[in-house]
Amino acid sequence: MNTTGFHKIVQDHVPLHDNITIVEDVEQFKIDDIENGVIMVWVNWSVGYLNCKYSIECLQDKKYSGQIFIIDIDTIQADFQKTVLKSRLNGWGEIFLIKNGQVIESFLGKESSIAFKTYIDKYADTYSR
C-alpha cells in the first residue's frame, strides 16, 4: 500500500475503501475517464479537510460505489482549476461530482460538506449504486 505523507494524512482521517483513489500526480489525472465519481480537494493546512472527511463518510454510509478521488490542494495548479474543475479553489475542502467525464455539480465554500450531504440525501438513489 502506498504510504506517502499525503496518503498517510488522509488515511489517518478516513477509512480507505477500494473505490477511493488518492491522486498523487494531478498532471496524470484524467477526468474524461470517469463515468461516475466525486473529487474531494483535501486541505492539509486548514480545517477545510473536515469537509472532505465528512463527505466521504456520508458517501460510505450510503454505500456509494462510484469512484472517490482525493487530491491535495497544494498539487492543483490554476490551469487545472480553470479547465477541469471550472472553479477557483479557496481551501475549504471543495467537492465536485463527475458524470461522464464532466463536473456536473460543485460544492464550494465553508459549508461545502453540508451542501453536498443535502444534495446526496436528495438524490441518494442516483448516487448510492
Protein backbone atom coordinates (compact mmCIF):
# COMPACT_ATOMS: atom_id res chain seq x y z
CA MET A 1 0.00 0.00 0.00
CA ASN A 2 1.22 3.49 -0.86
CA THR A 3 2.29 5.36 2.26
CA THR A 4 3.41 8.78 1.04
CA GLY A 5 2.99 11.62 3.52
CA PHE A 6 -0.25 12.79 1.95
CA HIS A 7 -1.60 9.23 1.75
CA LYS A 8 -0.88 8.74 5.47
CA ILE A 9 -2.56 12.03 6.42
CA VAL A 10 -5.74 11.07 4.57
CA GLN A 11 -5.67 7.51 5.92
CA ASP A 12 -5.41 8.87 9.47
CA HIS A 13 -8.78 10.62 8.96
CA VAL A 14 -10.89 8.35 6.74
CA PRO A 15 -11.05 4.62 6.12
CA LEU A 16 -9.79 3.97 2.61
CA HIS A 17 -12.04 1.62 0.66
CA ASP A 18 -11.45 0.11 -2.77
CA ASN A 19 -13.31 2.93 -4.52
CA ILE A 20 -11.06 5.66 -3.08
CA THR A 21 -8.04 6.84 -5.03
CA ILE A 22 -5.54 9.27 -3.60
CA VAL A 23 -4.27 11.21 -6.60
CA GLU A 24 -0.52 11.52 -6.26
CA ASP A 25 0.10 13.28 -9.58
CA VAL A 26 -2.64 15.67 -10.65
CA GLU A 27 -0.91 16.04 -14.03
CA GLN A 28 -1.79 12.39 -14.75
CA PHE A 29 -5.41 12.72 -13.59
CA LYS A 30 -7.83 12.21 -16.49
CA ILE A 31 -11.35 13.39 -15.73
CA ASP A 32 -12.54 12.19 -19.16
CA ASP A 33 -12.13 8.58 -17.97
CA ILE A 34 -14.51 8.99 -15.01
CA GLU A 35 -18.04 7.75 -15.61
CA ASN A 36 -19.37 8.30 -12.08
CA GLY A 37 -17.24 9.88 -9.38
CA VAL A 38 -16.51 12.52 -6.81
CA ILE A 39 -13.42 14.66 -6.46
CA MET A 40 -12.54 15.76 -2.94
CA VAL A 41 -9.99 18.57 -2.68
CA TRP A 42 -8.13 17.90 0.57
CA VAL A 43 -6.58 20.77 2.51
CA ASN A 44 -3.82 19.93 5.00
CA TRP A 45 -3.29 23.47 6.26
CA SER A 46 -6.82 24.29 7.43
CA VAL A 47 -9.89 22.69 8.92
CA GLY A 48 -11.28 22.56 5.38
CA TYR A 49 -10.16 18.93 5.29
CA LEU A 50 -13.15 18.19 7.55
CA ASN A 51 -15.49 18.93 4.63
CA CYS A 52 -13.81 16.10 2.71
CA LYS A 53 -13.78 13.79 5.70
CA TYR A 54 -17.49 14.28 6.44
CA SER A 55 -18.43 13.97 2.77
CA ILE A 56 -16.50 10.72 2.36
CA GLU A 57 -18.17 9.35 5.49
CA CYS A 58 -21.56 10.37 4.07
CA LEU A 59 -20.84 8.50 0.83
CA GLN A 60 -19.62 5.45 2.73
CA ASP A 61 -22.77 5.46 4.89
CA LYS A 62 -24.84 5.49 1.69
CA LYS A 63 -22.78 2.60 0.27
CA TYR A 64 -21.67 4.75 -2.65
CA SER A 65 -19.99 2.57 -5.27
CA GLY A 66 -18.68 5.26 -7.62
CA GLN A 67 -15.11 6.43 -7.57
CA ILE A 68 -13.84 8.90 -4.98
CA PHE A 69 -10.70 10.84 -5.87
CA ILE A 70 -8.85 12.74 -3.16
CA ILE A 71 -6.49 15.44 -4.41
CA ASP A 72 -4.15 17.54 -2.27
CA ILE A 73 -4.99 21.20 -2.93
CA ASP A 74 -1.28 22.04 -2.86
CA THR A 75 -0.77 20.00 -6.06
CA ILE A 76 -3.52 21.71 -8.05
CA GLN A 77 -2.40 24.45 -10.42
CA ALA A 78 -4.56 27.33 -11.65
CA ASP A 79 -4.99 25.83 -15.14
CA PHE A 80 -6.38 22.56 -13.64
CA GLN A 81 -8.84 24.61 -11.56
CA LYS A 82 -9.96 26.52 -14.62
CA THR A 83 -10.10 23.76 -17.25
CA VAL A 84 -11.03 20.67 -15.22
CA LEU A 85 -12.84 21.86 -12.09
CA LYS A 86 -14.16 25.07 -13.64
CA SER A 87 -13.91 26.69 -10.21
CA ARG A 88 -11.39 28.60 -8.17
CA LEU A 89 -10.33 26.73 -5.03
CA ASN A 90 -10.25 28.56 -1.72
CA GLY A 91 -9.15 25.86 0.72
CA TRP A 92 -12.50 24.81 2.15
CA GLY A 93 -12.36 21.19 1.03
CA GLU A 94 -14.23 21.69 -2.21
CA ILE A 95 -16.22 18.77 -3.66
CA PHE A 96 -17.06 18.02 -7.30
CA LEU A 97 -19.50 15.47 -8.73
CA ILE A 98 -18.40 13.90 -12.01
CA LYS A 99 -20.61 12.24 -14.62
CA ASN A 100 -19.28 11.06 -17.97
CA GLY A 101 -16.03 13.00 -17.62
CA GLN A 102 -17.63 16.33 -16.68
CA VAL A 103 -18.14 18.24 -13.45
CA ILE A 104 -21.92 18.33 -13.01
CA GLU A 105 -22.11 19.86 -9.51
CA SER A 106 -19.66 21.83 -7.38
CA PHE A 107 -19.83 22.30 -3.64
CA LEU A 108 -17.69 25.22 -2.58
CA GLY A 109 -17.11 27.33 0.48
CA LYS A 110 -17.06 26.90 4.22
CA GLU A 111 -20.14 24.66 4.32
CA SER A 112 -19.41 22.55 1.25
CA SER A 113 -19.95 19.27 3.12
CA ILE A 114 -23.38 20.40 4.36
CA ALA A 115 -24.48 21.34 0.84
CA PHE A 116 -23.03 18.09 -0.50
CA LYS A 117 -24.85 15.97 2.10
CA THR A 118 -28.12 17.76 1.34
CA TYR A 119 -27.64 17.04 -2.36
CA ILE A 120 -26.72 13.39 -1.79
CA ASP A 121 -29.66 12.88 0.58
CA LYS A 122 -31.99 14.29 -2.07
CA TYR A 123 -30.54 12.12 -4.85
CA ALA A 124 -29.49 9.09 -2.75
CA ASP A 125 -30.87 6.54 -5.21
CA THR A 126 -28.82 8.02 -8.04
CA TYR A 127 -25.53 8.02 -6.14
CA SER A 128 -25.76 5.02 -3.84
CA ARG A 129 -25.16 2.40 -6.51
